Amino acid sequence: EVRETNVIFDRCPADFLGYLLSHPDAEAFELEAWLPRVRAALETLDLIVFVPIEGRDRIKLPRSQDPHFRIQVDEGLNEILLENSLNFDVEVLQVAGTPQERLRQVLAHLRSKRDL
C-alpha cells in the first residue's frame, strides 16, 4: 500500500455543506446530524484553499447550470470557511487571480508556514 503524505483534493467536505445549505430544499437537510462527520473530516486537512467567484468569473458555465445557485453556494462557502459560521478548526486561505497567481499565493503561504 502506497500512502501519500501530501495530497491535494479538488473539493472538501465544506463544499458538500455549501451545496446542500444553498439548495431550495435545504430545510430538509439535518445539518446538526452531519456536523460531527464533516467536522472530523475537515480536521484531517492541513489547509483549505478557498477560490471564490471573482468579479470577472474565469469559468464559463454550461447552460444547464444555474448562475444564481452558484452564487448562493459561493456565499455559503464564504460564511462557512471565511466567517467560520460553523466553528470548524481548519486553516483557510483565500486566493484570487489567474491560476498562476493563485498558485503563487498558495506556495508563498506554505513557505511562510514552513519558515515559522
PDB file of N, CA and C in Angstrom:
ATOM      1  N   GLU A   1       0.844  -1.178   0.000  1.00  0.00           N
ATOM      2  CA  GLU A   1       0.000   0.000   0.000  1.00  0.00           C
ATOM      3  C   GLU A   1       0.890   1.243   0.000  1.00  0.00           C
ATOM      4  N   VAL A   2       0.638   2.145  -0.933  1.00  0.00           N
ATOM      5  CA  VAL A   2       1.380   3.397  -1.021  1.00  0.00           C
ATOM      6  C   VAL A   2       0.546   4.487  -0.350  1.00  0.00           C
ATOM      7  N   ARG A   3       1.173   5.196   0.576  1.00  0.00           N
ATOM      8  CA  ARG A   3       0.471   6.284   1.260  1.00  0.00           C
ATOM      9  C   ARG A   3       1.163   7.587   0.925  1.00  0.00           C
ATOM     10  N   GLU A   4       0.408   8.543   0.468  1.00  0.00           N
ATOM     11  CA  GLU A   4       0.941   9.862   0.153  1.00  0.00           C
ATOM     12  C   GLU A   4       0.884  10.740   1.398  1.00  0.00           C
ATOM     13  N   THR A   5       1.927  11.515   1.607  1.00  0.00           N
ATOM     14  CA  THR A   5       1.900  12.439   2.732  1.00  0.00           C
ATOM     15  C   THR A   5       1.355  13.795   2.322  1.00  0.00           C
ATOM     16  N   ASN A   6       1.463  14.117   1.043  1.00  0.00           N
ATOM     17  CA  ASN A   6       0.952  15.387   0.534  1.00  0.00           C
ATOM     18  C   ASN A   6      -0.056  15.100  -0.568  1.00  0.00           C
ATOM     19  N   VAL A   7      -1.303  15.445  -0.300  1.00  0.00           N
ATOM     20  CA  VAL A   7      -2.372  15.191  -1.258  1.00  0.00           C
ATOM     21  C   VAL A   7      -3.163  16.469  -1.435  1.00  0.00           C
ATOM     22  N   ILE A   8      -3.534  16.769  -2.671  1.00  0.00           N
ATOM     23  CA  ILE A   8      -4.381  17.922  -2.971  1.00  0.00           C
ATOM     24  C   ILE A   8      -5.716  17.398  -3.468  1.00  0.00           C
ATOM     25  N   PHE A   9      -6.785  17.844  -2.829  1.00  0.00           N
ATOM     26  CA  PHE A   9      -8.142  17.478  -3.243  1.00  0.00           C
ATOM     27  C   PHE A   9      -8.777  18.670  -3.941  1.00  0.00           C
ATOM     28  N   ASP A  10      -9.594  18.401  -4.939  1.00  0.00           N
ATOM     29  CA  ASP A  10     -10.303  19.461  -5.643  1.00  0.00           C
ATOM     30  C   ASP A  10     -11.465  19.996  -4.817  1.00  0.00           C
ATOM     31  N   ARG A  11     -12.032  19.188  -3.980  1.00  0.00           N
ATOM     32  CA  ARG A  11     -13.177  19.562  -3.142  1.00  0.00           C
ATOM     33  C   ARG A  11     -12.922  19.113  -1.720  1.00  0.00           C
ATOM     34  N   CYS A  12     -13.685  19.686  -0.791  1.00  0.00           N
ATOM     35  CA  CYS A  12     -13.580  19.256   0.602  1.00  0.00           C
ATOM     36  C   CYS A  12     -14.986  19.133   1.181  1.00  0.00           C
ATOM     37  N   PRO A  13     -15.119  18.602   2.388  1.00  0.00           N
ATOM     38  CA  PRO A  13     -16.456  18.423   2.975  1.00  0.00           C
ATOM     39  C   PRO A  13     -17.249  19.723   3.119  1.00  0.00           C
ATOM     40  N   ALA A  14     -16.579  20.858   3.194  1.00  0.00           N
ATOM     41  CA  ALA A  14     -17.305  22.132   3.271  1.00  0.00           C
ATOM     42  C   ALA A  14     -18.096  22.381   1.989  1.00  0.00           C
ATOM     43  N   ASP A  15     -17.594  21.910   0.862  1.00  0.00           N
ATOM     44  CA  ASP A  15     -18.327  22.059  -0.403  1.00  0.00           C
ATOM     45  C   ASP A  15     -19.669  21.340  -0.323  1.00  0.00           C
ATOM     46  N   PHE A  16     -19.647  20.156   0.243  1.00  0.00           N
ATOM     47  CA  PHE A  16     -20.855  19.367   0.452  1.00  0.00           C
ATOM     48  C   PHE A  16     -21.899  20.208   1.188  1.00  0.00           C
ATOM     49  N   LEU A  17     -21.474  20.859   2.275  1.00  0.00           N
ATOM     50  CA  LEU A  17     -22.392  21.698   3.045  1.00  0.00           C
ATOM     51  C   LEU A  17     -22.831  22.924   2.256  1.00  0.00           C
ATOM     52  N   GLY A  18     -21.894  23.537   1.538  1.00  0.00           N
ATOM     53  CA  GLY A  18     -22.240  24.722   0.754  1.00  0.00           C
ATOM     54  C   GLY A  18     -23.347  24.451  -0.244  1.00  0.00           C
ATOM     55  N   TYR A  19     -23.265  23.325  -0.930  1.00  0.00           N
ATOM     56  CA  TYR A  19     -24.297  22.971  -1.904  1.00  0.00           C
ATOM     57  C   TYR A  19     -25.605  22.608  -1.222  1.00  0.00           C
ATOM     58  N   LEU A  20     -25.530  21.790  -0.186  1.00  0.00           N
ATOM     59  CA  LEU A  20     -26.759  21.365   0.493  1.00  0.00           C
ATOM     60  C   LEU A  20     -27.486  22.528   1.158  1.00  0.00           C
ATOM     61  N   LEU A  21     -26.754  23.401   1.827  1.00  0.00           N
ATOM     62  CA  LEU A  21     -27.387  24.510   2.528  1.00  0.00           C
ATOM     63  C   LEU A  21     -27.914  25.583   1.582  1.00  0.00           C
ATOM     64  N   SER A  22     -27.472  25.579   0.343  1.00  0.00           N
ATOM     65  CA  SER A  22     -27.950  26.542  -0.656  1.00  0.00           C
ATOM     66  C   SER A  22     -29.085  25.987  -1.501  1.00  0.00           C
ATOM     67  N   HIS A  23     -29.324  24.724  -1.400  1.00  0.00           N
ATOM     68  CA  HIS A  23     -30.358  24.066  -2.203  1.00  0.00           C
ATOM     69  C   HIS A  23     -31.745  24.542  -1.784  1.00  0.00           C
ATOM     70  N   PRO A  24     -32.690  24.642  -2.730  1.00  0.00           N
ATOM     71  CA  PRO A  24     -34.056  25.062  -2.377  1.00  0.00           C
ATOM     72  C   PRO A  24     -34.707  24.194  -1.300  1.00  0.00           C
ATOM     73  N   ASP A  25     -34.319  22.939  -1.193  1.00  0.00           N
ATOM     74  CA  ASP A  25     -34.871  22.047  -0.170  1.00  0.00           C
ATOM     75  C   ASP A  25     -33.956  21.941   1.050  1.00  0.00           C
ATOM     76  N   ALA A  26     -33.168  22.969   1.327  1.00  0.00           N
ATOM     77  CA  ALA A  26     -32.177  22.924   2.403  1.00  0.00           C
ATOM     78  C   ALA A  26     -32.784  22.621   3.761  1.00  0.00           C
ATOM     79  N   GLU A  27     -34.018  23.043   3.994  1.00  0.00           N
ATOM     80  CA  GLU A  27     -34.606  22.789   5.322  1.00  0.00           C
ATOM     81  C   GLU A  27     -34.822  21.304   5.584  1.00  0.00           C
ATOM     82  N   ALA A  28     -34.811  20.489   4.548  1.00  0.00           N
ATOM     83  CA  ALA A  28     -34.956  19.039   4.727  1.00  0.00           C
ATOM     84  C   ALA A  28     -33.636  18.393   5.161  1.00  0.00           C
ATOM     85  N   PHE A  29     -32.534  19.114   5.035  1.00  0.00           N
ATOM     86  CA  PHE A  29     -31.215  18.604   5.413  1.00  0.00           C
ATOM     87  C   PHE A  29     -31.001  18.817   6.906  1.00  0.00           C
ATOM     88  N   GLU A  30     -30.619  17.774   7.594  1.00  0.00           N
ATOM     89  CA  GLU A  30     -30.390  17.841   9.042  1.00  0.00           C
ATOM     90  C   GLU A  30     -28.920  18.155   9.316  1.00  0.00           C
ATOM     91  N   LEU A  31     -28.614  19.432   9.320  1.00  0.00           N
ATOM     92  CA  LEU A  31     -27.236  19.892   9.494  1.00  0.00           C
ATOM     93  C   LEU A  31     -26.614  19.356  10.778  1.00  0.00           C
ATOM     94  N   GLU A  32     -27.319  19.445  11.874  1.00  0.00           N
ATOM     95  CA  GLU A  32     -26.764  19.011  13.163  1.00  0.00           C
ATOM     96  C   GLU A  32     -26.364  17.539  13.154  1.00  0.00           C
ATOM     97  N   ALA A  33     -27.091  16.728  12.408  1.00  0.00           N
ATOM     98  CA  ALA A  33     -26.768  15.305  12.338  1.00  0.00           C
ATOM     99  C   ALA A  33     -25.464  15.061  11.577  1.00  0.00           C
ATOM    100  N   TRP A  34     -25.156  15.910  10.619  1.00  0.00           N
ATOM    101  CA  TRP A  34     -23.968  15.736   9.780  1.00  0.00           C
ATOM    102  C   TRP A  34     -22.739  16.473  10.296  1.00  0.00           C
ATOM    103  N   LEU A  35     -22.915  17.476  11.142  1.00  0.00           N
ATOM    104  CA  LEU A  35     -21.782  18.293  11.574  1.00  0.00           C
ATOM    105  C   LEU A  35     -20.637  17.488  12.195  1.00  0.00           C
ATOM    106  N   PRO A  36     -20.878  16.510  13.050  1.00  0.00           N
ATOM    107  CA  PRO A  36     -19.731  15.763  13.604  1.00  0.00           C
ATOM    108  C   PRO A  36     -18.902  15.068  12.521  1.00  0.00           C
ATOM    109  N   ARG A  37     -19.554  14.504  11.527  1.00  0.00           N
ATOM    110  CA  ARG A  37     -18.814  13.835  10.438  1.00  0.00           C
ATOM    111  C   ARG A  37     -18.017  14.835   9.610  1.00  0.00           C
ATOM    112  N   VAL A  38     -18.666  15.933   9.273  1.00  0.00           N
ATOM    113  CA  VAL A  38     -17.993  16.948   8.461  1.00  0.00           C
ATOM    114  C   VAL A  38     -16.834  17.545   9.249  1.00  0.00           C
ATOM    115  N   ARG A  39     -17.063  17.852  10.520  1.00  0.00           N
ATOM    116  CA  ARG A  39     -16.012  18.421  11.367  1.00  0.00           C
ATOM    117  C   ARG A  39     -14.816  17.467  11.444  1.00  0.00           C
ATOM    118  N   ALA A  40     -15.066  16.198  11.677  1.00  0.00           N
ATOM    119  CA  ALA A  40     -13.987  15.209  11.768  1.00  0.00           C
ATOM    120  C   ALA A  40     -13.213  15.128  10.456  1.00  0.00           C
ATOM    121  N   ALA A  41     -13.910  15.153   9.340  1.00  0.00           N
ATOM    122  CA  ALA A  41     -13.245  15.084   8.032  1.00  0.00           C
ATOM    123  C   ALA A  41     -12.412  16.342   7.782  1.00  0.00           C
ATOM    124  N   LEU A  42     -12.964  17.514   8.091  1.00  0.00           N
ATOM    125  CA  LEU A  42     -12.234  18.764   7.868  1.00  0.00           C
ATOM    126  C   LEU A  42     -10.981  18.845   8.734  1.00  0.00           C
ATOM    127  N   GLU A  43     -11.062  18.317   9.933  1.00  0.00           N
ATOM    128  CA  GLU A  43      -9.918  18.406  10.839  1.00  0.00           C
ATOM    129  C   GLU A  43      -8.750  17.515  10.420  1.00  0.00           C
ATOM    130  N   THR A  44      -8.952  16.677   9.419  1.00  0.00           N
ATOM    131  CA  THR A  44      -7.836  15.889   8.881  1.00  0.00           C
ATOM    132  C   THR A  44      -7.055  16.678   7.832  1.00  0.00           C
ATOM    133  N   LEU A  45      -7.586  17.825   7.424  1.00  0.00           N
ATOM    134  CA  LEU A  45      -6.945  18.634   6.388  1.00  0.00           C
ATOM    135  C   LEU A  45      -6.020  19.662   7.018  1.00  0.00           C
ATOM    136  N   ASP A  46      -4.887  19.901   6.376  1.00  0.00           N
ATOM    137  CA  ASP A  46      -3.944  20.907   6.858  1.00  0.00           C
ATOM    138  C   ASP A  46      -4.346  22.313   6.430  1.00  0.00           C
ATOM    139  N   LEU A  47      -4.948  22.418   5.252  1.00  0.00           N
ATOM    140  CA  LEU A  47      -5.272  23.726   4.701  1.00  0.00           C
ATOM    141  C   LEU A  47      -6.393  23.581   3.679  1.00  0.00           C
ATOM    142  N   ILE A  48      -7.328  24.517   3.720  1.00  0.00           N
ATOM    143  CA  ILE A  48      -8.335  24.610   2.666  1.00  0.00           C
ATOM    144  C   ILE A  48      -8.034  25.883   1.892  1.00  0.00           C
ATOM    145  N   VAL A  49      -7.889  25.757   0.591  1.00  0.00           N
ATOM    146  CA  VAL A  49      -7.685  26.912  -0.280  1.00  0.00           C
ATOM    147  C   VAL A  49      -9.041  27.244  -0.879  1.00  0.00           C
ATOM    148  N   PHE A  50      -9.561  28.408  -0.517  1.00  0.00           N
ATOM    149  CA  PHE A  50     -10.873  28.848  -0.973  1.00  0.00           C
ATOM    150  C   PHE A  50     -10.692  29.768  -2.175  1.00  0.00           C
ATOM    151  N   VAL A  51     -11.310  29.390  -3.291  1.00  0.00           N
ATOM    152  CA  VAL A  51     -11.252  30.171  -4.524  1.00  0.00           C
ATOM    153  C   VAL A  51     -12.670  30.672  -4.801  1.00  0.00           C
ATOM    154  N   PRO A  52     -12.995  31.877  -4.332  1.00  0.00           N
ATOM    155  CA  PRO A  52     -14.357  32.373  -4.531  1.00  0.00           C
ATOM    156  C   PRO A  52     -14.596  32.788  -5.977  1.00  0.00           C
ATOM    157  N   ILE A  53     -15.860  32.980  -6.294  1.00  0.00           N
ATOM    158  CA  ILE A  53     -16.202  33.513  -7.613  1.00  0.00           C
ATOM    159  C   ILE A  53     -15.622  34.921  -7.683  1.00  0.00           C
ATOM    160  N   GLU A  54     -14.940  35.204  -8.762  1.00  0.00           N
ATOM    161  CA  GLU A  54     -14.348  36.528  -8.926  1.00  0.00           C
ATOM    162  C   GLU A  54     -15.284  37.422  -9.727  1.00  0.00           C
ATOM    163  N   GLY A  55     -15.041  38.718  -9.662  1.00  0.00           N
ATOM    164  CA  GLY A  55     -15.868  39.686 -10.390  1.00  0.00           C
ATOM    165  C   GLY A  55     -16.036  39.300 -11.850  1.00  0.00           C
ATOM    166  N   ARG A  56     -14.950  39.019 -12.491  1.00  0.00           N
ATOM    167  CA  ARG A  56     -14.990  38.520 -13.867  1.00  0.00           C
ATOM    168  C   ARG A  56     -14.719  37.033 -13.775  1.00  0.00           C
ATOM    169  N   ASP A  57     -15.778  36.271 -13.690  1.00  0.00           N
ATOM    170  CA  ASP A  57     -15.635  34.843 -13.447  1.00  0.00           C
ATOM    171  C   ASP A  57     -14.816  34.176 -14.546  1.00  0.00           C
ATOM    172  N   ARG A  58     -13.905  33.324 -14.140  1.00  0.00           N
ATOM    173  CA  ARG A  58     -12.995  32.650 -15.067  1.00  0.00           C
ATOM    174  C   ARG A  58     -13.559  31.347 -15.612  1.00  0.00           C
ATOM    175  N   ILE A  59     -14.697  30.921 -15.088  1.00  0.00           N
ATOM    176  CA  ILE A  59     -15.274  29.648 -15.526  1.00  0.00           C
ATOM    177  C   ILE A  59     -16.563  29.918 -16.282  1.00  0.00           C
ATOM    178  N   LYS A  60     -16.600  29.486 -17.520  1.00  0.00           N
ATOM    179  CA  LYS A  60     -17.808  29.641 -18.323  1.00  0.00           C
ATOM    180  C   LYS A  60     -18.766  28.515 -17.949  1.00  0.00           C
ATOM    181  N   LEU A  61     -19.945  28.911 -17.507  1.00  0.00           N
ATOM    182  CA  LEU A  61     -20.932  27.922 -17.080  1.00  0.00           C
ATOM    183  C   LEU A  61     -21.686  27.342 -18.264  1.00  0.00           C
ATOM    184  N   PRO A  62     -21.930  26.044 -18.227  1.00  0.00           N
ATOM    185  CA  PRO A  62     -22.812  25.465 -19.248  1.00  0.00           C
ATOM    186  C   PRO A  62     -24.242  25.963 -19.010  1.00  0.00           C
ATOM    187  N   ARG A  63     -25.041  25.934 -20.027  1.00  0.00           N
ATOM    188  CA  ARG A  63     -26.423  26.418 -19.920  1.00  0.00           C
ATOM    189  C   ARG A  63     -27.228  25.656 -18.877  1.00  0.00           C
ATOM    190  N   SER A  64     -26.829  24.423 -18.598  1.00  0.00           N
ATOM    191  CA  SER A  64     -27.572  23.597 -17.654  1.00  0.00           C
ATOM    192  C   SER A  64     -27.367  24.031 -16.196  1.00  0.00           C
ATOM    193  N   GLN A  65     -26.378  24.880 -15.928  1.00  0.00           N
ATOM    194  CA  GLN A  65     -26.115  25.307 -14.550  1.00  0.00           C
ATOM    195  C   GLN A  65     -26.749  26.652 -14.257  1.00  0.00           C
ATOM    196  N   ASP A  66     -27.311  26.768 -13.078  1.00  0.00           N
ATOM    197  CA  ASP A  66     -27.982  27.981 -12.632  1.00  0.00           C
ATOM    198  C   ASP A  66     -26.956  28.929 -12.012  1.00  0.00           C
ATOM    199  N   PRO A  67     -26.716  30.090 -12.639  1.00  0.00           N
ATOM    200  CA  PRO A  67     -25.707  31.008 -12.105  1.00  0.00           C
ATOM    201  C   PRO A  67     -26.086  31.565 -10.730  1.00  0.00           C
ATOM    202  N   HIS A  68     -27.374  31.707 -10.454  1.00  0.00           N
ATOM    203  CA  HIS A  68     -27.807  32.223  -9.152  1.00  0.00           C
ATOM    204  C   HIS A  68     -27.512  31.211  -8.041  1.00  0.00           C
ATOM    205  N   PHE A  69     -27.724  29.928  -8.336  1.00  0.00           N
ATOM    206  CA  PHE A  69     -27.413  28.883  -7.367  1.00  0.00           C
ATOM    207  C   PHE A  69     -25.918  28.868  -7.083  1.00  0.00           C
ATOM    208  N   ARG A  70     -25.135  29.033  -8.115  1.00  0.00           N
ATOM    209  CA  ARG A  70     -23.676  29.055  -7.969  1.00  0.00           C
ATOM    210  C   ARG A  70     -23.240  30.199  -7.052  1.00  0.00           C
ATOM    211  N   ILE A  71     -23.865  31.349  -7.191  1.00  0.00           N
ATOM    212  CA  ILE A  71     -23.555  32.496  -6.332  1.00  0.00           C
ATOM    213  C   ILE A  71     -23.972  32.202  -4.894  1.00  0.00           C
ATOM    214  N   GLN A  72     -25.123  31.575  -4.713  1.00  0.00           N
ATOM    215  CA  GLN A  72     -25.573  31.220  -3.366  1.00  0.00           C
ATOM    216  C   GLN A  72     -24.586  30.256  -2.695  1.00  0.00           C
ATOM    217  N   VAL A  73     -24.111  29.281  -3.444  1.00  0.00           N
ATOM    218  CA  VAL A  73     -23.136  28.333  -2.903  1.00  0.00           C
ATOM    219  C   VAL A  73     -21.856  29.068  -2.523  1.00  0.00           C
ATOM    220  N   ASP A  74     -21.401  29.967  -3.375  1.00  0.00           N
ATOM    221  CA  ASP A  74     -20.194  30.740  -3.099  1.00  0.00           C
ATOM    222  C   ASP A  74     -20.363  31.555  -1.817  1.00  0.00           C
ATOM    223  N   GLU A  75     -21.508  32.198  -1.663  1.00  0.00           N
ATOM    224  CA  GLU A  75     -21.777  32.980  -0.453  1.00  0.00           C
ATOM    225  C   GLU A  75     -21.832  32.072   0.779  1.00  0.00           C
ATOM    226  N   GLY A  76     -22.439  30.899   0.620  1.00  0.00           N
ATOM    227  CA  GLY A  76     -22.490  29.942   1.730  1.00  0.00           C
ATOM    228  C   GLY A  76     -21.111  29.465   2.132  1.00  0.00           C
ATOM    229  N   LEU A  77     -20.273  29.186   1.138  1.00  0.00           N
ATOM    230  CA  LEU A  77     -18.907  28.755   1.436  1.00  0.00           C
ATOM    231  C   LEU A  77     -18.113  29.866   2.109  1.00  0.00           C
ATOM    232  N   ASN A  78     -18.363  31.100   1.702  1.00  0.00           N
ATOM    233  CA  ASN A  78     -17.711  32.232   2.355  1.00  0.00           C
ATOM    234  C   ASN A  78     -18.073  32.264   3.843  1.00  0.00           C
ATOM    235  N   GLU A  79     -19.342  32.075   4.152  1.00  0.00           N
ATOM    236  CA  GLU A  79     -19.783  32.048   5.556  1.00  0.00           C
ATOM    237  C   GLU A  79     -19.160  30.880   6.308  1.00  0.00           C
ATOM    238  N   ILE A  80     -19.187  29.710   5.693  1.00  0.00           N
ATOM    239  CA  ILE A  80     -18.674  28.502   6.349  1.00  0.00           C
ATOM    240  C   ILE A  80     -17.168  28.566   6.557  1.00  0.00           C
ATOM    241  N   LEU A  81     -16.432  28.986   5.518  1.00  0.00           N
ATOM    242  CA  LEU A  81     -14.975  28.925   5.569  1.00  0.00           C
ATOM    243  C   LEU A  81     -14.317  30.187   6.108  1.00  0.00           C
ATOM    244  N   LEU A  82     -14.693  31.347   5.582  1.00  0.00           N
ATOM    245  CA  LEU A  82     -14.008  32.581   5.982  1.00  0.00           C
ATOM    246  C   LEU A  82     -14.586  33.183   7.260  1.00  0.00           C
ATOM    247  N   GLU A  83     -15.907  33.164   7.379  1.00  0.00           N
ATOM    248  CA  GLU A  83     -16.525  33.696   8.589  1.00  0.00           C
ATOM    249  C   GLU A  83     -16.588  32.636   9.682  1.00  0.00           C
ATOM    250  N   ASN A  84     -16.300  31.392   9.323  1.00  0.00           N
ATOM    251  CA  ASN A  84     -16.285  30.250  10.232  1.00  0.00           C
ATOM    252  C   ASN A  84     -17.589  30.135  11.028  1.00  0.00           C
ATOM    253  N   SER A  85     -18.692  30.240  10.327  1.00  0.00           N
ATOM    254  CA  SER A  85     -20.011  30.227  10.957  1.00  0.00           C
ATOM    255  C   SER A  85     -20.340  28.917  11.663  1.00  0.00           C
ATOM    256  N   LEU A  86     -19.640  27.836  11.304  1.00  0.00           N
ATOM    257  CA  LEU A  86     -19.906  26.542  11.927  1.00  0.00           C
ATOM    258  C   LEU A  86     -18.778  26.119  12.874  1.00  0.00           C
ATOM    259  N   ASN A  87     -17.870  27.048  13.141  1.00  0.00           N
ATOM    260  CA  ASN A  87     -16.776  26.829  14.101  1.00  0.00           C
ATOM    261  C   ASN A  87     -15.915  25.606  13.786  1.00  0.00           C
ATOM    262  N   PHE A  88     -15.464  25.517  12.545  1.00  0.00           N
ATOM    263  CA  PHE A  88     -14.555  24.443  12.169  1.00  0.00           C
ATOM    264  C   PHE A  88     -13.131  24.839  12.540  1.00  0.00           C
ATOM    265  N   ASP A  89     -12.356  23.869  12.973  1.00  0.00           N
ATOM    266  CA  ASP A  89     -10.965  24.102  13.343  1.00  0.00           C
ATOM    267  C   ASP A  89     -10.079  23.693  12.177  1.00  0.00           C
ATOM    268  N   VAL A  90     -10.037  24.554  11.152  1.00  0.00           N
ATOM    269  CA  VAL A  90      -9.244  24.273   9.959  1.00  0.00           C
ATOM    270  C   VAL A  90      -8.739  25.604   9.408  1.00  0.00           C
ATOM    271  N   GLU A  91      -7.519  25.582   8.909  1.00  0.00           N
ATOM    272  CA  GLU A  91      -6.938  26.789   8.330  1.00  0.00           C
ATOM    273  C   GLU A  91      -7.478  26.983   6.915  1.00  0.00           C
ATOM    274  N   VAL A  92      -7.854  28.228   6.601  1.00  0.00           N
ATOM    275  CA  VAL A  92      -8.405  28.551   5.287  1.00  0.00           C
ATOM    276  C   VAL A  92      -7.598  29.702   4.689  1.00  0.00           C
ATOM    277  N   LEU A  93      -7.220  29.537   3.443  1.00  0.00           N
ATOM    278  CA  LEU A  93      -6.518  30.575   2.692  1.00  0.00           C
ATOM    279  C   LEU A  93      -7.376  30.934   1.490  1.00  0.00           C
ATOM    280  N   GLN A  94      -7.742  32.198   1.379  1.00  0.00           N
ATOM    281  CA  GLN A  94      -8.489  32.646   0.206  1.00  0.00           C
ATOM    282  C   GLN A  94      -7.501  33.151  -0.833  1.00  0.00           C
ATOM    283  N   VAL A  95      -7.678  32.719  -2.074  1.00  0.00           N
ATOM    284  CA  VAL A  95      -6.811  33.154  -3.165  1.00  0.00           C
ATOM    285  C   VAL A  95      -7.657  33.740  -4.282  1.00  0.00           C
ATOM    286  N   ALA A  96      -7.008  34.507  -5.142  1.00  0.00           N
ATOM    287  CA  ALA A  96      -7.699  35.128  -6.272  1.00  0.00           C
ATOM    288  C   ALA A  96      -6.703  35.334  -7.403  1.00  0.00           C
ATOM    289  N   GLY A  97      -7.232  35.629  -8.576  1.00  0.00           N
ATOM    290  CA  GLY A  97      -6.389  35.927  -9.724  1.00  0.00           C
ATOM    291  C   GLY A  97      -6.320  34.769 -10.702  1.00  0.00           C
ATOM    292  N   THR A  98      -5.349  34.838 -11.568  1.00  0.00           N
ATOM    293  CA  THR A  98      -5.160  33.786 -12.567  1.00  0.00           C
ATOM    294  C   THR A  98      -4.736  32.506 -11.851  1.00  0.00           C
ATOM    295  N   PRO A  99      -4.843  31.367 -12.513  1.00  0.00           N
ATOM    296  CA  PRO A  99      -4.356  30.141 -11.870  1.00  0.00           C
ATOM    297  C   PRO A  99      -2.899  30.250 -11.407  1.00  0.00           C
ATOM    298  N   GLN A 100      -2.053  30.925 -12.190  1.00  0.00           N
ATOM    299  CA  GLN A 100      -0.657  31.096 -11.795  1.00  0.00           C
ATOM    300  C   GLN A 100      -0.543  31.974 -10.541  1.00  0.00           C
ATOM    301  N   GLU A 101      -1.349  33.041 -10.474  1.00  0.00           N
ATOM    302  CA  GLU A 101      -1.330  33.906  -9.295  1.00  0.00           C
ATOM    303  C   GLU A 101      -1.829  33.153  -8.065  1.00  0.00           C
ATOM    304  N   ARG A 102      -2.843  32.342  -8.246  1.00  0.00           N
ATOM    305  CA  ARG A 102      -3.362  31.547  -7.133  1.00  0.00           C
ATOM    306  C   ARG A 102      -2.292  30.584  -6.624  1.00  0.00           C
ATOM    307  N   LEU A 103      -1.610  29.929  -7.551  1.00  0.00           N
ATOM    308  CA  LEU A 103      -0.546  29.009  -7.179  1.00  0.00           C
ATOM    309  C   LEU A 103       0.544  29.736  -6.404  1.00  0.00           C
ATOM    310  N   ARG A 104       0.941  30.910  -6.859  1.00  0.00           N
ATOM    311  CA  ARG A 104       1.968  31.686  -6.157  1.00  0.00           C
ATOM    312  C   ARG A 104       1.516  32.023  -4.732  1.00  0.00           C
ATOM    313  N   GLN A 105       0.234  32.363  -4.576  1.00  0.00           N
ATOM    314  CA  GLN A 105      -0.285  32.693  -3.245  1.00  0.00           C
ATOM    315  C   GLN A 105      -0.239  31.474  -2.319  1.00  0.00           C
ATOM    316  N   VAL A 106      -0.598  30.322  -2.836  1.00  0.00           N
ATOM    317  CA  VAL A 106      -0.575  29.102  -2.025  1.00  0.00           C
ATOM    318  C   VAL A 106       0.862  28.745  -1.652  1.00  0.00           C
ATOM    319  N   LEU A 107       1.760  28.779  -2.625  1.00  0.00           N
ATOM    320  CA  LEU A 107       3.161  28.435  -2.346  1.00  0.00           C
ATOM    321  C   LEU A 107       3.796  29.405  -1.357  1.00  0.00           C
ATOM    322  N   ALA A 108       3.486  30.693  -1.485  1.00  0.00           N
ATOM    323  CA  ALA A 108       4.013  31.685  -0.539  1.00  0.00           C
ATOM    324  C   ALA A 108       3.487  31.400   0.871  1.00  0.00           C
ATOM    325  N   HIS A 109       2.229  31.046   0.964  1.00  0.00           N
ATOM    326  CA  HIS A 109       1.636  30.722   2.270  1.00  0.00           C
ATOM    327  C   HIS A 109       2.318  29.496   2.873  1.00  0.00           C
ATOM    328  N   LEU A 110       2.512  28.463   2.070  1.00  0.00           N
ATOM    329  CA  LEU A 110       3.152  27.247   2.564  1.00  0.00           C
ATOM    330  C   LEU A 110       4.594  27.509   2.988  1.00  0.00           C
ATOM    331  N   ARG A 111       5.313  28.340   2.208  1.00  0.00           N
ATOM    332  CA  ARG A 111       6.686  28.690   2.578  1.00  0.00           C
ATOM    333  C   ARG A 111       6.712  29.443   3.903  1.00  0.00           C
ATOM    334  N   SER A 112       5.775  30.361   4.089  1.00  0.00           N
ATOM    335  CA  SER A 112       5.751  31.135   5.342  1.00  0.00           C
ATOM    336  C   SER A 112       5.460  30.229   6.530  1.00  0.00           C
ATOM    337  N   LYS A 113       4.626  29.229   6.348  1.00  0.00           N
ATOM    338  CA  LYS A 113       4.330  28.274   7.427  1.00  0.00           C
ATOM    339  C   LYS A 113       5.556  27.415   7.748  1.00  0.00           C
ATOM    340  N   ARG A 114       6.289  27.042   6.714  1.00  0.00           N
ATOM    341  CA  ARG A 114       7.479  26.208   6.892  1.00  0.00           C
ATOM    342  C   ARG A 114       8.561  26.983   7.635  1.00  0.00           C
ATOM    343  N   ASP A 115       8.635  28.300   7.392  1.00  0.00           N
ATOM    344  CA  ASP A 115       9.681  29.132   7.992  1.00  0.00           C
ATOM    345  C   ASP A 115       9.399  29.475   9.464  1.00  0.00           C
ATOM    346  N   LEU A 116       8.196  29.203   9.929  1.00  0.00           N
ATOM    347  CA  LEU A 116       7.856  29.550  11.324  1.00  0.00           C
ATOM    348  C   LEU A 116       8.521  28.650  12.307  1.00  0.00           C
TER     349      LEU A 116
END
